[in-house]
Amino acid sequence: MSLSPLQVPLRAVAAATYPILYPIFRNNALLTPELSRAVITTTLSLYENLPGSDALFQVVGNLLGGPSLNQQFDRVIVGQVPLNANGNQLLHFAQLIMINQTAKYDYGPIENPQRYNSLVPPKYDFTKIRLNQSIALFAGTTDAQAPLDNVVYLRSVLQNNVFYQKTIEGYNHYDFVIGRDNYQQVNKPVLDLFIYRLATVE
């Protein structure tokens, strides 16, 4: 997969924060409120001359927020994400951004051969997915974490597993959860798809 222009700032942040986060989270440390605030502060401080919310949207996409942005949730997001996650989730996410591949967790040159019989982690093989006509793909045009070209690639690999696809103009990564119109754009369509699939399952 190619690196989307939307992902360039995200990749820079991943490369800069990984050496800082690795010693802290290598042993499966949970993100306490204190550690969570430290991660957010470190990440946002890498975007010089940008206010906090703009820096946040450099990470999730849509640099200045679009018409779906619900600004009242700005501080809520910064205060809660990624609270209570496992630290290795952040490390794995940073690894994937830096290598621009969907691969398993990189434990390093000593542990990788023991786990994977290889110096580098194996890529996830999406061709092994066998869920005929059971997957719905939703994408946002300004999503930095799942840019459209990656969604197009995933759709081509999943092939007949996908029965529905929707691209939402102006949506970034967080809009799918807290967007001003996410009920109309995401929640209601998802519920309708569930009802449709339940009615058509043999």
N, C-alpha and C. Protein backbone atom coordinates (compact mmCIF):
# COMPACT_ATOMS: atom_id res chain seq x y z
N MET A 1 0.84 -1.20 0.00
CA MET A 1 0.00 0.00 0.00
C MET A 1 0.88 1.24 0.00
N SER A 2 0.45 2.25 -0.73
CA SER A 2 1.21 3.49 -0.77
C SER A 2 0.85 4.36 0.42
N LEU A 3 1.76 5.28 0.74
CA LEU A 3 1.53 6.19 1.86
C LEU A 3 0.70 7.36 1.39
N SER A 4 -0.48 7.52 1.98
CA SER A 4 -1.36 8.62 1.62
C SER A 4 -0.80 9.94 2.15
N PRO A 5 -1.02 11.06 1.42
CA PRO A 5 -0.59 12.36 1.95
C PRO A 5 -1.18 12.65 3.33
N LEU A 6 -2.39 12.12 3.60
CA LEU A 6 -3.01 12.32 4.90
C LEU A 6 -2.21 11.64 6.02
N GLN A 7 -1.44 10.60 5.65
CA GLN A 7 -0.73 9.83 6.66
C GLN A 7 0.68 10.36 6.95
N VAL A 8 1.15 11.32 6.16
CA VAL A 8 2.52 11.82 6.35
C VAL A 8 2.73 12.37 7.76
N PRO A 9 1.84 13.27 8.27
CA PRO A 9 2.05 13.74 9.65
C PRO A 9 1.97 12.61 10.66
N LEU A 10 1.06 11.67 10.45
CA LEU A 10 0.90 10.55 11.37
C LEU A 10 2.14 9.68 11.41
N ARG A 11 2.74 9.47 10.25
CA ARG A 11 3.96 8.65 10.20
C ARG A 11 5.10 9.35 10.92
N ALA A 12 5.19 10.66 10.76
CA ALA A 12 6.24 11.41 11.45
C ALA A 12 6.09 11.32 12.96
N VAL A 13 4.86 11.39 13.44
CA VAL A 13 4.60 11.29 14.88
C VAL A 13 4.95 9.89 15.37
N ALA A 14 4.56 8.87 14.61
CA ALA A 14 4.85 7.49 15.01
C ALA A 14 6.35 7.27 15.15
N ALA A 15 7.11 7.76 14.18
CA ALA A 15 8.56 7.57 14.20
C ALA A 15 9.20 8.31 15.37
N ALA A 16 8.65 9.48 15.70
CA ALA A 16 9.25 10.29 16.77
C ALA A 16 8.88 9.78 18.15
N THR A 17 7.67 9.23 18.30
CA THR A 17 7.21 8.81 19.63
C THR A 17 7.58 7.36 19.96
N TYR A 18 7.82 6.54 18.95
CA TYR A 18 8.07 5.12 19.21
C TYR A 18 9.25 4.89 20.17
N PRO A 19 10.40 5.54 19.95
CA PRO A 19 11.51 5.32 20.90
C PRO A 19 11.19 5.76 22.32
N ILE A 20 10.26 6.72 22.45
CA ILE A 20 9.88 7.19 23.78
C ILE A 20 8.91 6.20 24.44
N LEU A 21 7.96 5.70 23.65
CA LEU A 21 6.92 4.84 24.20
C LEU A 21 7.38 3.40 24.42
N TYR A 22 8.33 2.93 23.61
CA TYR A 22 8.73 1.52 23.66
C TYR A 22 9.21 1.09 25.05
N PRO A 23 10.13 1.83 25.69
CA PRO A 23 10.58 1.38 27.02
C PRO A 23 9.47 1.36 28.06
N ILE A 24 8.46 2.20 27.88
CA ILE A 24 7.38 2.29 28.86
C ILE A 24 6.39 1.14 28.70
N PHE A 25 6.05 0.83 27.43
CA PHE A 25 4.94 -0.09 27.18
C PHE A 25 5.36 -1.48 26.71
N ARG A 26 6.66 -1.72 26.59
CA ARG A 26 7.10 -3.01 26.06
C ARG A 26 6.60 -4.18 26.90
N ASN A 27 6.41 -3.99 28.19
CA ASN A 27 5.99 -5.07 29.07
C ASN A 27 4.49 -5.02 29.37
N ASN A 28 3.71 -4.67 28.34
CA ASN A 28 2.25 -4.71 28.43
C ASN A 28 1.67 -3.76 29.48
N ALA A 29 2.31 -2.64 29.69
CA ALA A 29 1.79 -1.68 30.66
C ALA A 29 0.45 -1.12 30.20
N LEU A 30 -0.49 -0.99 31.13
CA LEU A 30 -1.77 -0.38 30.81
C LEU A 30 -1.65 1.14 30.85
N LEU A 31 -2.46 1.79 30.05
CA LEU A 31 -2.45 3.24 30.01
C LEU A 31 -3.29 3.79 31.17
N THR A 32 -2.63 4.15 32.24
CA THR A 32 -3.29 4.82 33.36
C THR A 32 -3.63 6.25 32.93
N PRO A 33 -4.48 6.95 33.69
CA PRO A 33 -4.77 8.35 33.34
C PRO A 33 -3.50 9.19 33.20
N GLU A 34 -2.51 8.95 34.07
CA GLU A 34 -1.27 9.73 34.00
C GLU A 34 -0.50 9.43 32.72
N LEU A 35 -0.37 8.13 32.40
CA LEU A 35 0.35 7.75 31.19
C LEU A 35 -0.40 8.20 29.94
N SER A 36 -1.72 8.11 29.98
CA SER A 36 -2.52 8.54 28.84
C SER A 36 -2.30 10.02 28.55
N ARG A 37 -2.32 10.85 29.59
CA ARG A 37 -2.08 12.28 29.40
C ARG A 37 -0.68 12.54 28.88
N ALA A 38 0.30 11.75 29.36
CA ALA A 38 1.67 11.91 28.90
C ALA A 38 1.79 11.58 27.41
N VAL A 39 1.09 10.51 26.98
CA VAL A 39 1.12 10.13 25.56
C VAL A 39 0.51 11.23 24.70
N ILE A 40 -0.66 11.73 25.11
CA ILE A 40 -1.33 12.78 24.34
C ILE A 40 -0.47 14.03 24.28
N THR A 41 0.08 14.44 25.42
CA THR A 41 0.91 15.64 25.47
C THR A 41 2.14 15.51 24.58
N THR A 42 2.79 14.35 24.65
CA THR A 42 3.99 14.12 23.83
C THR A 42 3.64 14.15 22.35
N THR A 43 2.53 13.50 21.99
CA THR A 43 2.13 13.43 20.58
C THR A 43 1.79 14.81 20.04
N LEU A 44 0.94 15.53 20.76
CA LEU A 44 0.51 16.83 20.27
C LEU A 44 1.63 17.86 20.26
N SER A 45 2.61 17.71 21.16
CA SER A 45 3.70 18.67 21.20
C SER A 45 4.59 18.58 19.97
N LEU A 46 4.49 17.49 19.24
CA LEU A 46 5.29 17.33 18.03
C LEU A 46 4.79 18.21 16.89
N TYR A 47 3.54 18.68 17.00
CA TYR A 47 3.00 19.57 15.98
C TYR A 47 3.19 21.01 16.44
N GLU A 48 4.29 21.61 16.07
CA GLU A 48 4.60 22.95 16.52
C GLU A 48 3.65 23.96 15.89
N ASN A 49 3.32 24.99 16.70
CA ASN A 49 2.50 26.11 16.25
C ASN A 49 1.06 25.71 15.91
N LEU A 50 0.60 24.56 16.41
CA LEU A 50 -0.78 24.17 16.19
C LEU A 50 -1.49 24.07 17.53
N PRO A 51 -2.72 24.58 17.64
CA PRO A 51 -3.48 24.37 18.88
C PRO A 51 -3.81 22.90 19.04
N GLY A 52 -4.16 22.50 20.24
CA GLY A 52 -4.35 21.09 20.55
C GLY A 52 -5.31 20.38 19.63
N SER A 53 -6.47 20.99 19.34
CA SER A 53 -7.46 20.30 18.53
C SER A 53 -6.97 20.11 17.11
N ASP A 54 -6.26 21.11 16.55
CA ASP A 54 -5.72 20.96 15.20
C ASP A 54 -4.70 19.84 15.14
N ALA A 55 -3.87 19.76 16.17
CA ALA A 55 -2.89 18.68 16.22
C ALA A 55 -3.58 17.33 16.30
N LEU A 56 -4.65 17.27 17.09
CA LEU A 56 -5.41 16.03 17.19
C LEU A 56 -5.93 15.61 15.83
N PHE A 57 -6.44 16.56 15.06
CA PHE A 57 -7.01 16.21 13.77
C PHE A 57 -5.95 15.97 12.70
N GLN A 58 -4.70 16.35 12.97
CA GLN A 58 -3.63 15.90 12.11
C GLN A 58 -3.46 14.39 12.26
N VAL A 59 -3.73 13.88 13.45
CA VAL A 59 -3.58 12.45 13.70
C VAL A 59 -4.75 11.67 13.15
N VAL A 60 -5.98 12.15 13.33
CA VAL A 60 -7.14 11.39 12.90
C VAL A 60 -7.58 11.75 11.49
N GLY A 61 -7.13 12.91 10.97
CA GLY A 61 -7.50 13.34 9.63
C GLY A 61 -8.28 14.64 9.67
N ASN A 62 -8.49 15.23 8.47
CA ASN A 62 -9.28 16.45 8.34
C ASN A 62 -8.70 17.55 9.22
N LEU A 63 -7.63 18.19 8.75
CA LEU A 63 -6.77 19.00 9.59
C LEU A 63 -7.49 20.04 10.44
N LEU A 64 -8.49 20.69 9.90
CA LEU A 64 -9.17 21.72 10.67
C LEU A 64 -10.58 21.30 11.06
N GLY A 65 -10.92 20.05 10.83
CA GLY A 65 -12.27 19.59 11.14
C GLY A 65 -13.23 19.99 10.04
N GLY A 66 -14.17 19.13 9.72
CA GLY A 66 -15.12 19.40 8.66
C GLY A 66 -16.50 19.71 9.20
N PRO A 67 -17.50 19.70 8.32
CA PRO A 67 -18.85 20.04 8.76
C PRO A 67 -19.43 19.03 9.75
N SER A 68 -18.87 17.81 9.78
CA SER A 68 -19.39 16.80 10.71
C SER A 68 -18.74 16.90 12.09
N LEU A 69 -17.72 17.74 12.24
CA LEU A 69 -17.00 17.85 13.50
C LEU A 69 -17.90 18.33 14.62
N ASN A 70 -17.91 17.58 15.71
CA ASN A 70 -18.65 17.98 16.91
C ASN A 70 -17.64 18.52 17.91
N GLN A 71 -17.43 19.83 17.91
CA GLN A 71 -16.34 20.44 18.66
C GLN A 71 -16.49 20.28 20.17
N GLN A 72 -17.69 20.07 20.66
CA GLN A 72 -17.86 19.94 22.11
C GLN A 72 -17.18 18.68 22.65
N PHE A 73 -16.86 17.74 21.77
CA PHE A 73 -16.22 16.51 22.22
C PHE A 73 -14.70 16.56 22.13
N ASP A 74 -14.16 17.68 21.64
CA ASP A 74 -12.71 17.81 21.47
C ASP A 74 -11.95 17.46 22.75
N ARG A 75 -12.28 18.14 23.83
CA ARG A 75 -11.57 17.94 25.09
C ARG A 75 -11.88 16.56 25.68
N VAL A 76 -13.08 16.06 25.42
CA VAL A 76 -13.43 14.72 25.92
C VAL A 76 -12.53 13.68 25.29
N ILE A 77 -12.30 13.80 23.98
CA ILE A 77 -11.45 12.85 23.28
C ILE A 77 -10.04 12.89 23.85
N VAL A 78 -9.47 14.07 23.93
CA VAL A 78 -8.10 14.21 24.41
C VAL A 78 -7.97 13.68 25.83
N GLY A 79 -9.04 13.81 26.62
CA GLY A 79 -8.98 13.38 28.01
C GLY A 79 -9.17 11.89 28.21
N GLN A 80 -9.73 11.19 27.20
CA GLN A 80 -10.07 9.79 27.39
C GLN A 80 -9.30 8.82 26.49
N VAL A 81 -8.89 9.26 25.33
CA VAL A 81 -8.21 8.37 24.38
C VAL A 81 -6.71 8.55 24.53
N PRO A 82 -5.92 7.51 24.67
CA PRO A 82 -6.27 6.08 24.65
C PRO A 82 -6.30 5.47 26.05
N LEU A 83 -7.03 6.05 26.96
CA LEU A 83 -7.08 5.61 28.35
C LEU A 83 -7.48 4.15 28.46
N ASN A 84 -6.77 3.41 29.36
CA ASN A 84 -7.05 2.02 29.68
C ASN A 84 -6.77 1.04 28.54
N ALA A 85 -6.12 1.48 27.49
CA ALA A 85 -5.68 0.55 26.45
C ALA A 85 -4.39 -0.12 26.91
N ASN A 86 -4.04 -1.21 26.25
CA ASN A 86 -2.76 -1.85 26.52
C ASN A 86 -1.68 -1.10 25.75
N GLY A 87 -0.56 -0.85 26.40
CA GLY A 87 0.51 -0.09 25.76
C GLY A 87 1.01 -0.71 24.47
N ASN A 88 0.98 -2.05 24.38
CA ASN A 88 1.45 -2.70 23.16
C ASN A 88 0.55 -2.39 21.97
N GLN A 89 -0.70 -2.02 22.23
CA GLN A 89 -1.58 -1.61 21.14
C GLN A 89 -1.02 -0.35 20.47
N LEU A 90 -0.56 0.59 21.28
CA LEU A 90 0.03 1.82 20.73
C LEU A 90 1.31 1.51 19.97
N LEU A 91 2.13 0.63 20.55
CA LEU A 91 3.39 0.28 19.88
C LEU A 91 3.12 -0.40 18.55
N HIS A 92 2.17 -1.32 18.53
CA HIS A 92 1.84 -2.03 17.29
C HIS A 92 1.31 -1.06 16.25
N PHE A 93 0.44 -0.14 16.69
CA PHE A 93 -0.10 0.85 15.77
C PHE A 93 1.02 1.70 15.17
N ALA A 94 1.96 2.13 16.00
CA ALA A 94 3.09 2.92 15.51
C ALA A 94 3.93 2.11 14.53
N GLN A 95 4.14 0.83 14.81
CA GLN A 95 4.90 -0.03 13.89
C GLN A 95 4.23 -0.09 12.52
N LEU A 96 2.92 -0.29 12.51
CA LEU A 96 2.20 -0.41 11.24
C LEU A 96 2.28 0.88 10.43
N ILE A 97 2.19 2.01 11.12
CA ILE A 97 2.28 3.30 10.42
C ILE A 97 3.68 3.48 9.83
N MET A 98 4.71 3.11 10.59
CA MET A 98 6.08 3.32 10.12
C MET A 98 6.44 2.43 8.94
N ILE A 99 5.96 1.17 8.94
CA ILE A 99 6.30 0.27 7.83
C ILE A 99 5.26 0.30 6.72
N ASN A 100 4.11 0.96 7.00
CA ASN A 100 3.03 1.06 6.02
C ASN A 100 2.59 -0.32 5.53
N GLN A 101 2.50 -1.25 6.46
CA GLN A 101 2.05 -2.61 6.15
C GLN A 101 1.14 -3.09 7.28
N THR A 102 0.28 -4.04 6.97
CA THR A 102 -0.54 -4.67 8.00
C THR A 102 0.14 -5.98 8.40
N ALA A 103 0.99 -5.90 9.40
CA ALA A 103 1.77 -7.06 9.85
C ALA A 103 1.55 -7.31 11.33
N LYS A 104 1.95 -8.47 11.79
CA LYS A 104 1.83 -8.81 13.20
C LYS A 104 2.83 -8.00 14.01
N TYR A 105 2.68 -8.06 15.31
CA TYR A 105 3.50 -7.26 16.23
C TYR A 105 4.98 -7.61 16.08
N ASP A 106 5.82 -6.57 16.04
CA ASP A 106 7.26 -6.75 15.91
C ASP A 106 7.89 -6.82 17.30
N TYR A 107 8.34 -8.03 17.68
CA TYR A 107 8.97 -8.23 18.99
C TYR A 107 10.48 -8.01 18.95
N GLY A 108 11.03 -7.73 17.76
CA GLY A 108 12.46 -7.52 17.64
C GLY A 108 13.19 -8.74 17.09
N PRO A 109 14.46 -8.58 16.70
CA PRO A 109 15.22 -9.64 16.02
C PRO A 109 15.49 -10.88 16.88
N ILE A 110 15.39 -10.75 18.20
CA ILE A 110 15.64 -11.91 19.06
C ILE A 110 14.37 -12.74 19.24
N GLU A 111 13.26 -12.06 19.50
CA GLU A 111 12.02 -12.78 19.81
C GLU A 111 11.20 -13.14 18.57
N ASN A 112 11.33 -12.36 17.49
CA ASN A 112 10.57 -12.66 16.28
C ASN A 112 10.82 -14.08 15.75
N PRO A 113 12.09 -14.53 15.64
CA PRO A 113 12.32 -15.89 15.13
C PRO A 113 11.66 -16.96 16.01
N GLN A 114 11.58 -16.71 17.31
CA GLN A 114 10.96 -17.69 18.20
C GLN A 114 9.45 -17.76 17.98
N ARG A 115 8.86 -16.64 17.70
CA ARG A 115 7.41 -16.59 17.53
C ARG A 115 6.97 -16.85 16.10
N TYR A 116 7.71 -16.30 15.14
CA TYR A 116 7.28 -16.34 13.74
C TYR A 116 8.19 -17.16 12.83
N ASN A 117 9.31 -17.65 13.37
CA ASN A 117 10.30 -18.33 12.54
C ASN A 117 10.81 -17.41 11.43
N SER A 118 10.91 -16.14 11.76
CA SER A 118 11.34 -15.13 10.79
C SER A 118 11.86 -13.92 11.56
N LEU A 119 12.82 -13.20 10.95
CA LEU A 119 13.35 -12.01 11.60
C LEU A 119 12.34 -10.87 11.61
N VAL A 120 11.43 -10.87 10.64
CA VAL A 120 10.42 -9.81 10.55
C VAL A 120 9.04 -10.43 10.74
N PRO A 121 8.10 -9.68 11.27
CA PRO A 121 6.75 -10.21 11.49
C PRO A 121 6.06 -10.49 10.15
N PRO A 122 5.27 -11.56 10.08
CA PRO A 122 4.53 -11.84 8.84
C PRO A 122 3.39 -10.86 8.63
N LYS A 123 3.05 -10.60 7.39
CA LYS A 123 1.92 -9.75 7.07
C LYS A 123 0.61 -10.53 7.31
N TYR A 124 -0.44 -9.79 7.62
CA TYR A 124 -1.75 -10.42 7.71
C TYR A 124 -2.23 -10.77 6.30
N ASP A 125 -2.72 -11.97 6.14
CA ASP A 125 -3.17 -12.46 4.84
C ASP A 125 -4.69 -12.34 4.76
N PHE A 126 -5.16 -11.24 4.15
CA PHE A 126 -6.59 -11.00 4.06
C PHE A 126 -7.27 -11.95 3.08
N THR A 127 -6.50 -12.61 2.23
CA THR A 127 -7.11 -13.55 1.28
C THR A 127 -7.64 -14.79 1.99
N LYS A 128 -7.24 -15.00 3.23
CA LYS A 128 -7.72 -16.16 4.00
C LYS A 128 -9.09 -15.92 4.62
N ILE A 129 -9.57 -14.69 4.54
CA ILE A 129 -10.89 -14.38 5.09
C ILE A 129 -11.96 -15.01 4.21
N ARG A 130 -12.84 -15.78 4.81
CA ARG A 130 -13.91 -16.46 4.08
C ARG A 130 -15.25 -16.14 4.74
N LEU A 131 -15.76 -14.96 4.44
CA LEU A 131 -17.05 -14.51 4.99
C LEU A 131 -17.90 -14.01 3.84
N ASN A 132 -18.30 -14.91 2.98
CA ASN A 132 -18.97 -14.55 1.73
C ASN A 132 -20.13 -13.57 1.94
N GLN A 133 -20.00 -12.39 1.31
CA GLN A 133 -21.04 -11.37 1.34
C GLN A 133 -21.46 -11.00 2.77
N SER A 134 -20.47 -10.85 3.66
CA SER A 134 -20.79 -10.58 5.06
C SER A 134 -20.10 -9.35 5.62
N ILE A 135 -19.32 -8.63 4.83
CA ILE A 135 -18.55 -7.49 5.32
C ILE A 135 -19.06 -6.19 4.70
N ALA A 136 -19.25 -5.17 5.54
CA ALA A 136 -19.59 -3.83 5.07
C ALA A 136 -18.41 -2.91 5.35
N LEU A 137 -18.00 -2.15 4.36
CA LEU A 137 -16.87 -1.23 4.51
C LEU A 137 -17.38 0.21 4.53
N PHE A 138 -16.99 0.95 5.56
CA PHE A 138 -17.29 2.38 5.65
C PHE A 138 -15.96 3.13 5.61
N ALA A 139 -15.90 4.20 4.84
CA ALA A 139 -14.66 4.98 4.72
C ALA A 139 -14.97 6.47 4.76
N GLY A 140 -13.99 7.25 5.21
CA GLY A 140 -14.11 8.70 5.21
C GLY A 140 -13.06 9.32 4.30
N THR A 141 -13.42 10.36 3.60
CA THR A 141 -12.50 10.94 2.62
C THR A 141 -11.32 11.65 3.26
N THR A 142 -11.41 12.01 4.54
CA THR A 142 -10.30 12.69 5.20
C THR A 142 -9.78 11.90 6.41
N ASP A 143 -9.94 10.61 6.38
CA ASP A 143 -9.49 9.74 7.47
C ASP A 143 -8.00 9.44 7.29
N ALA A 144 -7.17 9.96 8.21
CA ALA A 144 -5.72 9.76 8.10
C ALA A 144 -5.31 8.36 8.52
N GLN A 145 -6.09 7.71 9.35
CA GLN A 145 -5.71 6.38 9.83
C GLN A 145 -6.17 5.27 8.89
N ALA A 146 -7.19 5.53 8.09
CA ALA A 146 -7.66 4.56 7.10
C ALA A 146 -7.98 5.29 5.81
N PRO A 147 -6.95 5.79 5.10
CA PRO A 147 -7.19 6.58 3.89
C PRO A 147 -7.83 5.76 2.79
N LEU A 148 -8.46 6.46 1.85
CA LEU A 148 -9.26 5.80 0.83
C LEU A 148 -8.48 4.80 -0.01
N ASP A 149 -7.22 5.11 -0.32
CA ASP A 149 -6.48 4.17 -1.15
C ASP A 149 -6.27 2.84 -0.44
N ASN A 150 -6.13 2.88 0.89
CA ASN A 150 -6.02 1.65 1.65
C ASN A 150 -7.34 0.88 1.67
N VAL A 151 -8.45 1.62 1.74
CA VAL A 151 -9.75 0.98 1.71
C VAL A 151 -9.99 0.33 0.35
N VAL A 152 -9.59 1.01 -0.70
CA VAL A 152 -9.72 0.44 -2.06
C VAL A 152 -8.91 -0.84 -2.17
N TYR A 153 -7.69 -0.81 -1.63
CA TYR A 153 -6.85 -2.02 -1.64
C TYR A 153 -7.51 -3.15 -0.86
N LEU A 154 -8.02 -2.84 0.34
CA LEU A 154 -8.67 -3.86 1.16
C LEU A 154 -9.88 -4.43 0.43
N ARG A 155 -10.65 -3.57 -0.22
CA ARG A 155 -11.83 -4.03 -0.96
C ARG A 155 -11.43 -4.99 -2.08
N SER A 156 -10.33 -4.70 -2.73
CA SER A 156 -9.89 -5.56 -3.84
C SER A 156 -9.43 -6.93 -3.34
N VAL A 157 -8.88 -6.97 -2.12
CA VAL A 157 -8.41 -8.24 -1.56
C VAL A 157 -9.58 -9.06 -1.01
N LEU A 158 -10.53 -8.38 -0.37
CA LEU A 158 -11.66 -9.08 0.23
C LEU A 158 -12.64 -9.60 -0.81
N GLN A 159 -12.71 -8.93 -1.94
CA GLN A 159 -13.53 -9.36 -3.08
C GLN A 159 -14.97 -9.67 -2.65
N ASN A 160 -15.41 -10.92 -2.85
CA ASN A 160 -16.81 -11.28 -2.63
C ASN A 160 -17.22 -11.30 -1.16
N ASN A 161 -16.26 -11.10 -0.26
CA ASN A 161 -16.63 -11.02 1.15
C ASN A 161 -17.41 -9.75 1.46
N VAL A 162 -17.25 -8.72 0.61
CA VAL A 162 -17.89 -7.41 0.84
C VAL A 162 -19.22 -7.35 0.11
N PHE A 163 -20.28 -7.01 0.85
CA PHE A 163 -21.59 -6.86 0.22
C PHE A 163 -22.08 -5.42 0.23
N TYR A 164 -21.34 -4.52 0.95
CA TYR A 164 -21.77 -3.13 1.03
C TYR A 164 -20.56 -2.26 1.27
N GLN A 165 -20.53 -1.09 0.60
CA GLN A 165 -19.43 -0.15 0.81
C GLN A 165 -19.97 1.28 0.73
N LYS A 166 -19.53 2.11 1.67
CA LYS A 166 -19.97 3.50 1.69
C LYS A 166 -18.80 4.41 2.00
N THR A 167 -18.66 5.47 1.22
CA THR A 167 -17.63 6.48 1.45
C THR A 167 -18.31 7.79 1.85
N ILE A 168 -17.89 8.35 2.98
CA ILE A 168 -18.55 9.54 3.52
C ILE A 168 -17.64 10.76 3.33
N GLU A 169 -18.12 11.73 2.63
CA GLU A 169 -17.36 12.94 2.32
C GLU A 169 -17.07 13.72 3.60
N GLY A 170 -15.78 14.07 3.80
CA GLY A 170 -15.38 14.92 4.92
C GLY A 170 -15.21 14.21 6.24
N TYR A 171 -15.42 12.92 6.29
CA TYR A 171 -15.31 12.19 7.55
C TYR A 171 -13.87 11.83 7.87
N ASN A 172 -13.46 12.08 9.15
CA ASN A 172 -12.16 11.63 9.61
C ASN A 172 -12.36 10.40 10.50
N HIS A 173 -11.32 9.96 11.18
CA HIS A 173 -11.38 8.70 11.92
C HIS A 173 -12.35 8.76 13.10
N TYR A 174 -12.42 9.89 13.78
CA TYR A 174 -13.28 10.02 14.95
C TYR A 174 -14.73 10.32 14.60
N ASP A 175 -14.97 10.85 13.40
CA ASP A 175 -16.34 11.18 13.02
C ASP A 175 -17.25 9.96 13.03
N PHE A 176 -16.68 8.78 12.81
CA PHE A 176 -17.50 7.56 12.82
C PHE A 176 -18.08 7.29 14.20
N VAL A 177 -17.45 7.87 15.23
CA VAL A 177 -17.92 7.67 16.60
C VAL A 177 -18.65 8.89 17.13
N ILE A 178 -18.12 10.09 16.88
CA ILE A 178 -18.69 11.29 17.51
C ILE A 178 -19.05 12.37 16.50
N GLY A 179 -19.12 12.03 15.22
CA GLY A 179 -19.50 13.03 14.22
C GLY A 179 -20.89 13.58 14.47
N ARG A 180 -21.09 14.84 14.08
CA ARG A 180 -22.37 15.51 14.33
C ARG A 180 -23.53 14.75 13.68
N ASP A 181 -23.28 14.14 12.52
CA ASP A 181 -24.34 13.44 11.80
C ASP A 181 -24.06 11.94 11.69
N ASN A 182 -23.32 11.39 12.66
CA ASN A 182 -22.92 9.99 12.52
C ASN A 182 -24.09 9.03 12.66
N TYR A 183 -25.19 9.46 13.28
CA TYR A 183 -26.36 8.58 13.32
C TYR A 183 -26.89 8.34 11.91
N GLN A 184 -27.04 9.43 11.15
CA GLN A 184 -27.56 9.30 9.79
C GLN A 184 -26.55 8.63 8.86
N GLN A 185 -25.27 8.96 9.04
CA GLN A 185 -24.25 8.48 8.11
C GLN A 185 -23.73 7.08 8.44
N VAL A 186 -23.71 6.73 9.74
CA VAL A 186 -23.08 5.47 10.14
C VAL A 186 -24.02 4.57 10.93
N ASN A 187 -24.50 5.05 12.08
CA ASN A 187 -25.25 4.18 12.98
C ASN A 187 -26.51 3.59 12.35
N LYS A 188 -27.32 4.45 11.74
CA LYS A 188 -28.57 3.97 11.12
C LYS A 188 -28.27 3.01 9.96
N PRO A 189 -27.36 3.33 9.05
CA PRO A 189 -27.04 2.35 8.00
C PRO A 189 -26.53 1.02 8.53
N VAL A 190 -25.70 1.06 9.60
CA VAL A 190 -25.19 -0.19 10.18
C VAL A 190 -26.34 -1.02 10.75
N LEU A 191 -27.25 -0.38 11.47
CA LEU A 191 -28.41 -1.09 12.01
C LEU A 191 -29.27 -1.68 10.89
N ASP A 192 -29.47 -0.91 9.83
CA ASP A 192 -30.24 -1.41 8.69
C ASP A 192 -29.56 -2.62 8.04
N LEU A 193 -28.22 -2.57 7.97
CA LEU A 193 -27.48 -3.69 7.39
C LEU A 193 -27.60 -4.95 8.25
N PHE A 194 -27.55 -4.76 9.58
CA PHE A 194 -27.74 -5.90 10.49
C PHE A 194 -29.11 -6.53 10.27
N ILE A 195 -30.13 -5.69 10.21
CA ILE A 195 -31.49 -6.19 10.01
C ILE A 195 -31.60 -6.93 8.67
N TYR A 196 -31.00 -6.33 7.64
CA TYR A 196 -31.03 -6.95 6.32
C TYR A 196 -30.33 -8.31 6.34
N ARG A 197 -29.15 -8.38 6.96
CA ARG A 197 -28.41 -9.64 6.98
C ARG A 197 -29.11 -10.71 7.80
N LEU A 198 -29.72 -10.30 8.92
CA LEU A 198 -30.46 -11.26 9.73
C LEU A 198 -31.66 -11.82 8.96
N ALA A 199 -32.26 -10.98 8.14
CA ALA A 199 -33.43 -11.43 7.38
C ALA A 199 -33.05 -12.34 6.22
N THR A 200 -31.79 -12.24 5.77
CA THR A 200 -31.38 -13.02 4.59
C THR A 200 -30.52 -14.23 4.93
N VAL A 201 -30.16 -14.39 6.22
CA VAL A 201 -29.36 -15.55 6.62
C VAL A 201 -30.20 -16.81 6.53
N GLU A 202 -29.63 -17.82 5.92
CA GLU A 202 -30.36 -19.07 5.74
C GLU A 202 -30.41 -19.84 7.04
